Amino acid sequence: MVLGARTLQLLRSLEVWKRACRLSVQMYALTTGCRDSGFRNQITRSALSIASNIAEGYERDYVRERCQFLRVAKGSCAECWTQLLIGIEAALVDRSQATPLLRELEEIGAMLGGLIKRFSDLKQVENAPPST
């Protein structure tokens, strides 16, 4: 098995990961007819990177590592949002289909920010000196 059973269970119950997976599929569908293959390849890679980095982070044993992968996922979210915005303005993608994906990327980014904060707070508790 590639993923541990615990990781698989966590991911299947993690809303942000499920939404990131759906977003990636939607990005492939949105760009199927895109005439610019470089743009299509870049935006689908950045969308795919969001869910992939969440999964990789959840497979890590240490909170610090998990937070790092969640930060990378959040960065990929911002990258994808920027590329989609440019794609709309350059008429590479349909504005009416892409606009809901911009909102979804914003929500996924906010969810990732919340997870990062939660795990960072947990990391501080783990690293705190024992109370006397």
C-alpha atoms as a PDB file:
ATOM      1  CA  MET A   1       0.000   0.000   0.000  1.00  0.00           C
ATOM      2  CA  VAL A   2       1.408   3.387  -1.000  1.00  0.00           C
ATOM      3  CA  LEU A   3      -0.319   5.372   1.748  1.00  0.00           C
ATOM      4  CA  GLY A   4      -0.714   4.288   5.318  1.00  0.00           C
ATOM      5  CA  ALA A   5      -4.236   3.249   6.290  1.00  0.00           C
ATOM      6  CA  ARG A   6      -4.445   6.117   8.773  1.00  0.00           C
ATOM      7  CA  THR A   7      -3.403   8.665   6.124  1.00  0.00           C
ATOM      8  CA  LEU A   8      -5.941   7.274   3.665  1.00  0.00           C
ATOM      9  CA  GLN A   9      -8.701   7.544   6.254  1.00  0.00           C
ATOM     10  CA  LEU A  10      -7.677  11.112   7.168  1.00  0.00           C
ATOM     11  CA  LEU A  11      -7.561  12.252   3.547  1.00  0.00           C
ATOM     12  CA  ARG A  12     -10.920  10.736   2.695  1.00  0.00           C
ATOM     13  CA  SER A  13     -12.464  12.694   5.553  1.00  0.00           C
ATOM     14  CA  LEU A  14     -10.542  15.941   4.862  1.00  0.00           C
ATOM     15  CA  GLU A  15     -12.818  18.399   3.067  1.00  0.00           C
ATOM     16  CA  VAL A  16      -9.989  20.600   1.758  1.00  0.00           C
ATOM     17  CA  TRP A  17      -8.285  17.606   0.117  1.00  0.00           C
ATOM     18  CA  LYS A  18     -11.540  16.442  -1.493  1.00  0.00           C
ATOM     19  CA  ARG A  19     -12.223  19.940  -2.802  1.00  0.00           C
ATOM     20  CA  ALA A  20      -8.658  20.262  -4.123  1.00  0.00           C
ATOM     21  CA  CYS A  21      -9.046  16.948  -5.974  1.00  0.00           C
ATOM     22  CA  ARG A  22     -12.337  18.095  -7.525  1.00  0.00           C
ATOM     23  CA  LEU A  23     -10.753  21.421  -8.471  1.00  0.00           C
ATOM     24  CA  SER A  24      -7.936  19.641 -10.277  1.00  0.00           C
ATOM     25  CA  VAL A  25     -10.416  17.602 -12.313  1.00  0.00           C
ATOM     26  CA  GLN A  26     -12.401  20.763 -13.101  1.00  0.00           C
ATOM     27  CA  MET A  27      -9.231  22.528 -14.230  1.00  0.00           C
ATOM     28  CA  TYR A  28      -8.480  19.709 -16.677  1.00  0.00           C
ATOM     29  CA  ALA A  29     -12.028  19.971 -18.029  1.00  0.00           C
ATOM     30  CA  LEU A  30     -11.843  23.765 -18.284  1.00  0.00           C
ATOM     31  CA  THR A  31      -8.594  23.722 -20.258  1.00  0.00           C
ATOM     32  CA  THR A  32      -9.323  20.777 -22.562  1.00  0.00           C
ATOM     33  CA  GLY A  33      -9.865  23.028 -25.580  1.00  0.00           C
ATOM     34  CA  CYS A  34      -7.251  25.618 -24.634  1.00  0.00           C
ATOM     35  CA  ARG A  35      -5.144  26.582 -27.638  1.00  0.00           C
ATOM     36  CA  ASP A  36      -2.063  27.370 -25.525  1.00  0.00           C
ATOM     37  CA  SER A  37      -0.559  24.061 -24.412  1.00  0.00           C
ATOM     38  CA  GLY A  38       2.043  25.771 -22.190  1.00  0.00           C
ATOM     39  CA  PHE A  39      -0.685  27.569 -20.251  1.00  0.00           C
ATOM     40  CA  ARG A  40      -2.816  24.424 -20.047  1.00  0.00           C
ATOM     41  CA  ASN A  41       0.102  22.331 -18.764  1.00  0.00           C
ATOM     42  CA  GLN A  42       1.168  24.914 -16.185  1.00  0.00           C
ATOM     43  CA  ILE A  43      -2.287  25.573 -14.720  1.00  0.00           C
ATOM     44  CA  THR A  44      -3.215  21.895 -14.518  1.00  0.00           C
ATOM     45  CA  ARG A  45       0.124  21.153 -12.808  1.00  0.00           C
ATOM     46  CA  SER A  46      -0.409  23.895 -10.231  1.00  0.00           C
ATOM     47  CA  ALA A  47      -3.976  22.672  -9.562  1.00  0.00           C
ATOM     48  CA  LEU A  48      -2.782  19.074  -9.249  1.00  0.00           C
ATOM     49  CA  SER A  49      -0.054  20.191  -6.857  1.00  0.00           C
ATOM     50  CA  ILE A  50      -2.583  21.444  -4.290  1.00  0.00           C
ATOM     51  CA  ALA A  51      -4.154  18.069  -3.483  1.00  0.00           C
ATOM     52  CA  SER A  52      -0.849  16.254  -3.983  1.00  0.00           C
ATOM     53  CA  ASN A  53       0.986  18.363  -1.395  1.00  0.00           C
ATOM     54  CA  ILE A  54      -1.864  18.017   1.097  1.00  0.00           C
ATOM     55  CA  ALA A  55      -1.591  14.234   0.724  1.00  0.00           C
ATOM     56  CA  GLU A  56       2.182  14.277   1.023  1.00  0.00           C
ATOM     57  CA  GLY A  57       1.977  16.433   4.143  1.00  0.00           C
ATOM     58  CA  TYR A  58      -0.500  14.100   5.794  1.00  0.00           C
ATOM     59  CA  GLU A  59       1.829  11.174   5.185  1.00  0.00           C
ATOM     60  CA  ARG A  60       4.609  12.902   7.162  1.00  0.00           C
ATOM     61  CA  ASP A  61       5.209  11.996  10.789  1.00  0.00           C
ATOM     62  CA  TYR A  62       6.154  15.418  12.125  1.00  0.00           C
ATOM     63  CA  VAL A  63       3.872  18.441  12.452  1.00  0.00           C
ATOM     64  CA  ARG A  64       6.612  20.727  11.133  1.00  0.00           C
ATOM     65  CA  GLU A  65       6.880  18.699   7.913  1.00  0.00           C
ATOM     66  CA  ARG A  66       3.099  18.561   7.540  1.00  0.00           C
ATOM     67  CA  CYS A  67       2.903  22.349   7.880  1.00  0.00           C
ATOM     68  CA  GLN A  68       5.593  22.788   5.234  1.00  0.00           C
ATOM     69  CA  PHE A  69       3.661  20.702   2.700  1.00  0.00           C
ATOM     70  CA  LEU A  70       0.442  22.545   3.542  1.00  0.00           C
ATOM     71  CA  ARG A  71       2.291  25.816   2.894  1.00  0.00           C
ATOM     72  CA  VAL A  72       3.436  24.497  -0.481  1.00  0.00           C
ATOM     73  CA  ALA A  73      -0.169  23.503  -1.258  1.00  0.00           C
ATOM     74  CA  LYS A  74      -1.315  27.010  -0.297  1.00  0.00           C
ATOM     75  CA  GLY A  75       1.374  28.485  -2.550  1.00  0.00           C
ATOM     76  CA  SER A  76       0.207  26.275  -5.416  1.00  0.00           C
ATOM     77  CA  CYS A  77      -3.308  27.514  -4.745  1.00  0.00           C
ATOM     78  CA  ALA A  78      -2.145  31.128  -5.155  1.00  0.00           C
ATOM     79  CA  GLU A  79      -0.186  30.172  -8.273  1.00  0.00           C
ATOM     80  CA  CYS A  80      -3.223  28.488  -9.816  1.00  0.00           C
ATOM     81  CA  TRP A  81      -5.477  31.447  -8.890  1.00  0.00           C
ATOM     82  CA  THR A  82      -3.056  33.848 -10.589  1.00  0.00           C
ATOM     83  CA  GLN A  83      -2.779  31.703 -13.707  1.00  0.00           C
ATOM     84  CA  LEU A  84      -6.550  31.354 -13.936  1.00  0.00           C
ATOM     85  CA  LEU A  85      -7.017  35.105 -13.616  1.00  0.00           C
ATOM     86  CA  ILE A  86      -4.477  35.661 -16.402  1.00  0.00           C
ATOM     87  CA  GLY A  87      -6.174  32.954 -18.483  1.00  0.00           C
ATOM     88  CA  ILE A  88      -9.489  34.770 -18.160  1.00  0.00           C
ATOM     89  CA  GLU A  89      -7.992  38.123 -19.144  1.00  0.00           C
ATOM     90  CA  ALA A  90      -6.081  36.603 -22.070  1.00  0.00           C
ATOM     91  CA  ALA A  91      -9.262  34.796 -23.220  1.00  0.00           C
ATOM     92  CA  LEU A  92      -7.600  31.405 -22.866  1.00  0.00           C
ATOM     93  CA  VAL A  93     -10.474  30.106 -20.718  1.00  0.00           C
ATOM     94  CA  ASP A  94     -14.163  30.901 -20.558  1.00  0.00           C
ATOM     95  CA  ARG A  95     -14.819  33.603 -17.958  1.00  0.00           C
ATOM     96  CA  SER A  96     -18.197  32.204 -16.875  1.00  0.00           C
ATOM     97  CA  GLN A  97     -16.719  28.740 -16.239  1.00  0.00           C
ATOM     98  CA  ALA A  98     -13.508  30.022 -14.654  1.00  0.00           C
ATOM     99  CA  THR A  99     -14.964  32.555 -12.222  1.00  0.00           C
ATOM    100  CA  PRO A 100     -16.447  29.931  -9.855  1.00  0.00           C
ATOM    101  CA  LEU A 101     -13.047  28.201  -9.836  1.00  0.00           C
ATOM    102  CA  LEU A 102     -11.401  31.455  -8.708  1.00  0.00           C
ATOM    103  CA  ARG A 103     -13.785  31.524  -5.747  1.00  0.00           C
ATOM    104  CA  GLU A 104     -13.104  27.850  -5.036  1.00  0.00           C
ATOM    105  CA  LEU A 105      -9.353  28.503  -5.046  1.00  0.00           C
ATOM    106  CA  GLU A 106      -9.851  31.361  -2.580  1.00  0.00           C
ATOM    107  CA  GLU A 107     -11.860  29.100  -0.276  1.00  0.00           C
ATOM    108  CA  ILE A 108      -9.343  26.253  -0.514  1.00  0.00           C
ATOM    109  CA  GLY A 109      -6.547  28.719   0.259  1.00  0.00           C
ATOM    110  CA  ALA A 110      -8.431  29.953   3.332  1.00  0.00           C
ATOM    111  CA  MET A 111      -9.036  26.372   4.478  1.00  0.00           C
ATOM    112  CA  LEU A 112      -5.338  25.594   4.085  1.00  0.00           C
ATOM    113  CA  GLY A 113      -4.482  28.728   6.058  1.00  0.00           C
ATOM    114  CA  GLY A 114      -6.717  27.482   8.867  1.00  0.00           C
ATOM    115  CA  LEU A 115      -5.062  24.060   8.867  1.00  0.00           C
ATOM    116  CA  ILE A 116      -1.601  25.605   8.893  1.00  0.00           C
ATOM    117  CA  LYS A 117      -2.557  27.772  11.856  1.00  0.00           C
ATOM    118  CA  ARG A 118      -4.058  24.817  13.711  1.00  0.00           C
ATOM    119  CA  PHE A 119      -0.973  22.659  13.182  1.00  0.00           C
ATOM    120  CA  SER A 120       1.385  25.555  13.941  1.00  0.00           C
ATOM    121  CA  ASP A 121      -0.410  26.106  17.249  1.00  0.00           C
ATOM    122  CA  LEU A 122      -0.089  22.370  17.934  1.00  0.00           C
ATOM    123  CA  LYS A 123       3.622  22.523  17.088  1.00  0.00           C
ATOM    124  CA  GLN A 124       4.107  25.364  19.597  1.00  0.00           C
ATOM    125  CA  VAL A 125       2.438  23.291  22.291  1.00  0.00           C
ATOM    126  CA  GLU A 126       4.687  20.324  21.451  1.00  0.00           C
ATOM    127  CA  ASN A 127       7.807  22.525  21.662  1.00  0.00           C
ATOM    128  CA  ALA A 128       6.798  24.418  24.813  1.00  0.00           C
ATOM    129  CA  PRO A 129       8.877  23.841  27.919  1.00  0.00           C
ATOM    130  CA  PRO A 130       7.186  21.707  30.547  1.00  0.00           C
ATOM    131  CA  SER A 131       5.064  23.674  32.969  1.00  0.00           C
ATOM    132  CA  THR A 132       6.185  23.659  36.569  1.00  0.00           C
END
